[in-house]
Each structure stands twice: as C-alpha cells, then as structure tokens.
Amino acid sequence: MKNLEQIRAAAALPAAKDLSRSAVNKLPALIMQSGLLATAAFCAAEGGGENRKDMKKAMNATTAHLAAQGLLSSNVNSVTEMIDDLSKRDSHQLQQATAEALAFIAYLKRFAPKD
C-alpha cells in the first residue's frame, strides 16, 4: 500500500514536466491569501501574463489529483468543474481539499524544471 507522499509524488512527476517553476511557485501564496476557489478562478480566467497558462496547467493537475483522492466528484475534469464541485460542499471538505492541494502543489514545485 502506498502512502500519501508516494501518491502525490507519482501524480506530480509527469504533470510537472511541462510547467514553469516560477508559475507554480506563485500558487501556494495565492491559495493561502485568497483561498483555493479564488485562486482556481484566477487561473481559469482568460488573459493574464505569460505564467497564467502554466498556472492553469498546474491547477488542472491539482484538480485531477483531488478527484483521484476522492476529494472531488469523480467526473470533475477541469478547474471550472472543480470550482463548481467545491462550492457545493461544506467548509470542512473545502478545507481538506485546500490542504491536499497545497501538499500536491509542493511536489509540482519540486519537480517543475527551472526557468
């Protein structure tokens, strides 16, 4: 049986290959300051700087991980669907998803190539 650290690392390794480390580095601070839902909405929005595309990719990978861990409905496949799913849940479930997202993004940061 694998532990959560192994599961996170295995999920983050392939997802991080095409990400900008500088983009991923910004996500934890955004989540801590504004919350997971607001950060996801920011990443999903059109426009923005050059990092926005990689931030959205990182958030999509996070969405897939949260769904695989059972923190989202199994049919959730995008950032906007994650926002919709989490906004219908209670605050404790949102807190669990936020904590797991931060732990997963820490692995994305470690594995993303330097810019």
C-alpha atoms as a PDB file:
ATOM      1  CA  MET A   1       0.000   0.000   0.000  1.00  0.00           C
ATOM      2  CA  LYS A   2       1.344   3.432  -0.928  1.00  0.00           C
ATOM      3  CA  ASN A   3       1.303   6.371   1.431  1.00  0.00           C
ATOM      4  CA  LEU A   4       0.029   9.846   0.511  1.00  0.00           C
ATOM      5  CA  GLU A   5       3.520  11.191  -0.151  1.00  0.00           C
ATOM      6  CA  GLN A   6       4.147   8.473  -2.735  1.00  0.00           C
ATOM      7  CA  ILE A   7       0.767   9.076  -4.355  1.00  0.00           C
ATOM      8  CA  ARG A   8       1.373  12.824  -4.542  1.00  0.00           C
ATOM      9  CA  ALA A   9       4.855  12.404  -5.975  1.00  0.00           C
ATOM     10  CA  ALA A  10       3.718   9.882  -8.584  1.00  0.00           C
ATOM     11  CA  ALA A  11       0.914  12.175  -9.724  1.00  0.00           C
ATOM     12  CA  ALA A  12       3.060  15.326  -9.748  1.00  0.00           C
ATOM     13  CA  LEU A  13       6.085  13.977 -11.590  1.00  0.00           C
ATOM     14  CA  PRO A  14       4.561  13.693 -15.087  1.00  0.00           C
ATOM     15  CA  ALA A  15       2.408  16.801 -14.631  1.00  0.00           C
ATOM     16  CA  ALA A  16       5.370  18.992 -13.656  1.00  0.00           C
ATOM     17  CA  LYS A  17       7.493  18.268 -16.721  1.00  0.00           C
ATOM     18  CA  ASP A  18       5.834  20.940 -18.851  1.00  0.00           C
ATOM     19  CA  LEU A  19       5.358  23.589 -16.161  1.00  0.00           C
ATOM     20  CA  SER A  20       7.239  26.749 -15.380  1.00  0.00           C
ATOM     21  CA  ARG A  21       8.602  26.647 -11.841  1.00  0.00           C
ATOM     22  CA  SER A  22       8.078  30.381 -11.428  1.00  0.00           C
ATOM     23  CA  ALA A  23       4.382  29.976 -12.249  1.00  0.00           C
ATOM     24  CA  VAL A  24       3.898  27.068  -9.846  1.00  0.00           C
ATOM     25  CA  ASN A  25       5.788  28.917  -7.093  1.00  0.00           C
ATOM     26  CA  LYS A  26       3.079  31.581  -7.027  1.00  0.00           C
ATOM     27  CA  LEU A  27       0.179  29.210  -6.373  1.00  0.00           C
ATOM     28  CA  PRO A  28       0.668  28.397  -2.656  1.00  0.00           C
ATOM     29  CA  ALA A  29       0.818  32.085  -1.707  1.00  0.00           C
ATOM     30  CA  LEU A  30      -2.283  32.812  -3.776  1.00  0.00           C
ATOM     31  CA  ILE A  31      -4.140  29.924  -2.150  1.00  0.00           C
ATOM     32  CA  MET A  32      -3.109  30.983   1.356  1.00  0.00           C
ATOM     33  CA  GLN A  33      -4.060  34.599   0.727  1.00  0.00           C
ATOM     34  CA  SER A  34      -7.241  34.232  -1.326  1.00  0.00           C
ATOM     35  CA  GLY A  35      -8.343  30.626  -0.891  1.00  0.00           C
ATOM     36  CA  LEU A  36      -8.464  27.658  -3.244  1.00  0.00           C
ATOM     37  CA  LEU A  37     -11.649  28.687  -5.038  1.00  0.00           C
ATOM     38  CA  ALA A  38     -10.500  32.254  -5.761  1.00  0.00           C
ATOM     39  CA  THR A  39      -7.089  31.029  -6.911  1.00  0.00           C
ATOM     40  CA  ALA A  40      -8.706  28.456  -9.185  1.00  0.00           C
ATOM     41  CA  ALA A  41     -10.959  31.162 -10.642  1.00  0.00           C
ATOM     42  CA  PHE A  42      -7.929  33.386 -11.237  1.00  0.00           C
ATOM     43  CA  CYS A  43      -6.083  30.553 -13.014  1.00  0.00           C
ATOM     44  CA  ALA A  44      -9.101  29.675 -15.145  1.00  0.00           C
ATOM     45  CA  ALA A  45      -9.731  33.266 -16.261  1.00  0.00           C
ATOM     46  CA  GLU A  46      -8.759  34.326 -19.757  1.00  0.00           C
ATOM     47  CA  GLY A  47      -5.860  36.673 -20.287  1.00  0.00           C
ATOM     48  CA  GLY A  48      -3.194  37.454 -17.787  1.00  0.00           C
ATOM     49  CA  GLY A  49       0.557  37.246 -18.040  1.00  0.00           C
ATOM     50  CA  GLU A  50       2.775  34.619 -19.515  1.00  0.00           C
ATOM     51  CA  ASN A  51       2.611  32.493 -16.352  1.00  0.00           C
ATOM     52  CA  ARG A  52      -1.180  32.173 -16.404  1.00  0.00           C
ATOM     53  CA  LYS A  53      -1.080  29.241 -18.851  1.00  0.00           C
ATOM     54  CA  ASP A  54       1.268  27.244 -16.610  1.00  0.00           C
ATOM     55  CA  MET A  55      -0.694  28.206 -13.513  1.00  0.00           C
ATOM     56  CA  LYS A  56      -3.823  26.818 -15.164  1.00  0.00           C
ATOM     57  CA  LYS A  57      -1.985  23.611 -16.141  1.00  0.00           C
ATOM     58  CA  ALA A  58      -0.809  23.217 -12.541  1.00  0.00           C
ATOM     59  CA  MET A  59      -4.341  23.804 -11.258  1.00  0.00           C
ATOM     60  CA  ASN A  60      -5.700  21.238 -13.752  1.00  0.00           C
ATOM     61  CA  ALA A  61      -3.172  18.703 -12.459  1.00  0.00           C
ATOM     62  CA  THR A  62      -4.242  19.563  -8.923  1.00  0.00           C
ATOM     63  CA  THR A  63      -7.875  19.056  -9.902  1.00  0.00           C
ATOM     64  CA  ALA A  64      -7.085  15.603 -11.297  1.00  0.00           C
ATOM     65  CA  HIS A  65      -5.222  14.699  -8.114  1.00  0.00           C
ATOM     66  CA  LEU A  66      -8.039  15.890  -5.846  1.00  0.00           C
ATOM     67  CA  ALA A  67     -10.565  13.884  -7.876  1.00  0.00           C
ATOM     68  CA  ALA A  68      -8.351  10.780  -7.690  1.00  0.00           C
ATOM     69  CA  GLN A  69      -8.165  11.193  -3.909  1.00  0.00           C
ATOM     70  CA  GLY A  70     -11.949  11.366  -3.615  1.00  0.00           C
ATOM     71  CA  LEU A  71     -11.994  15.000  -2.535  1.00  0.00           C
ATOM     72  CA  LEU A  72     -13.948  15.920  -5.676  1.00  0.00           C
ATOM     73  CA  SER A  73     -16.607  14.093  -7.625  1.00  0.00           C
ATOM     74  CA  SER A  74     -15.083  11.522  -9.962  1.00  0.00           C
ATOM     75  CA  ASN A  75     -16.447  13.270 -13.060  1.00  0.00           C
ATOM     76  CA  VAL A  76     -14.614  16.562 -12.348  1.00  0.00           C
ATOM     77  CA  ASN A  77     -12.056  17.169 -15.113  1.00  0.00           C
ATOM     78  CA  SER A  78     -11.320  20.903 -15.209  1.00  0.00           C
ATOM     79  CA  VAL A  79     -10.633  23.853 -12.961  1.00  0.00           C
ATOM     80  CA  THR A  80     -14.087  25.327 -13.537  1.00  0.00           C
ATOM     81  CA  GLU A  81     -15.707  21.992 -12.672  1.00  0.00           C
ATOM     82  CA  MET A  82     -13.585  21.857  -9.504  1.00  0.00           C
ATOM     83  CA  ILE A  83     -14.832  25.307  -8.511  1.00  0.00           C
ATOM     84  CA  ASP A  84     -18.416  24.217  -9.094  1.00  0.00           C
ATOM     85  CA  ASP A  85     -17.970  20.964  -7.154  1.00  0.00           C
ATOM     86  CA  LEU A  86     -16.204  22.513  -4.151  1.00  0.00           C
ATOM     87  CA  SER A  87     -18.602  25.442  -3.933  1.00  0.00           C
ATOM     88  CA  LYS A  88     -21.425  22.959  -3.271  1.00  0.00           C
ATOM     89  CA  ARG A  89     -19.615  21.199  -0.431  1.00  0.00           C
ATOM     90  CA  ASP A  90     -19.335  22.152   3.222  1.00  0.00           C
ATOM     91  CA  SER A  91     -16.441  24.192   4.574  1.00  0.00           C
ATOM     92  CA  HIS A  92     -14.695  21.184   6.136  1.00  0.00           C
ATOM     93  CA  GLN A  93     -14.488  19.461   2.746  1.00  0.00           C
ATOM     94  CA  LEU A  94     -13.152  22.666   1.197  1.00  0.00           C
ATOM     95  CA  GLN A  95     -10.502  22.829   3.936  1.00  0.00           C
ATOM     96  CA  GLN A  96      -9.496  19.223   3.246  1.00  0.00           C
ATOM     97  CA  ALA A  97      -9.249  19.907  -0.485  1.00  0.00           C
ATOM     98  CA  THR A  98      -7.215  23.054   0.154  1.00  0.00           C
ATOM     99  CA  ALA A  99      -4.746  21.238   2.413  1.00  0.00           C
ATOM    100  CA  GLU A 100      -4.322  18.431  -0.106  1.00  0.00           C
ATOM    101  CA  ALA A 101      -3.954  20.909  -2.985  1.00  0.00           C
ATOM    102  CA  LEU A 102      -1.161  22.716  -1.126  1.00  0.00           C
ATOM    103  CA  ALA A 103       0.629  19.426  -0.411  1.00  0.00           C
ATOM    104  CA  PHE A 104       0.319  18.346  -4.054  1.00  0.00           C
ATOM    105  CA  ILE A 105       1.488  21.707  -5.411  1.00  0.00           C
ATOM    106  CA  ALA A 106       4.570  21.425  -3.197  1.00  0.00           C
ATOM    107  CA  TYR A 107       5.536  18.379  -5.268  1.00  0.00           C
ATOM    108  CA  LEU A 108       4.785  20.178  -8.525  1.00  0.00           C
ATOM    109  CA  LYS A 109       7.178  22.930  -7.391  1.00  0.00           C
ATOM    110  CA  ARG A 110       9.912  20.418  -6.630  1.00  0.00           C
ATOM    111  CA  PHE A 111       9.584  18.599  -9.939  1.00  0.00           C
ATOM    112  CA  ALA A 112       8.996  21.559 -12.298  1.00  0.00           C
ATOM    113  CA  PRO A 113      12.087  22.430 -14.316  1.00  0.00           C
ATOM    114  CA  LYS A 114      13.887  25.678 -13.543  1.00  0.00           C
ATOM    115  CA  ASP A 115      13.041  28.575 -15.833  1.00  0.00           C
END
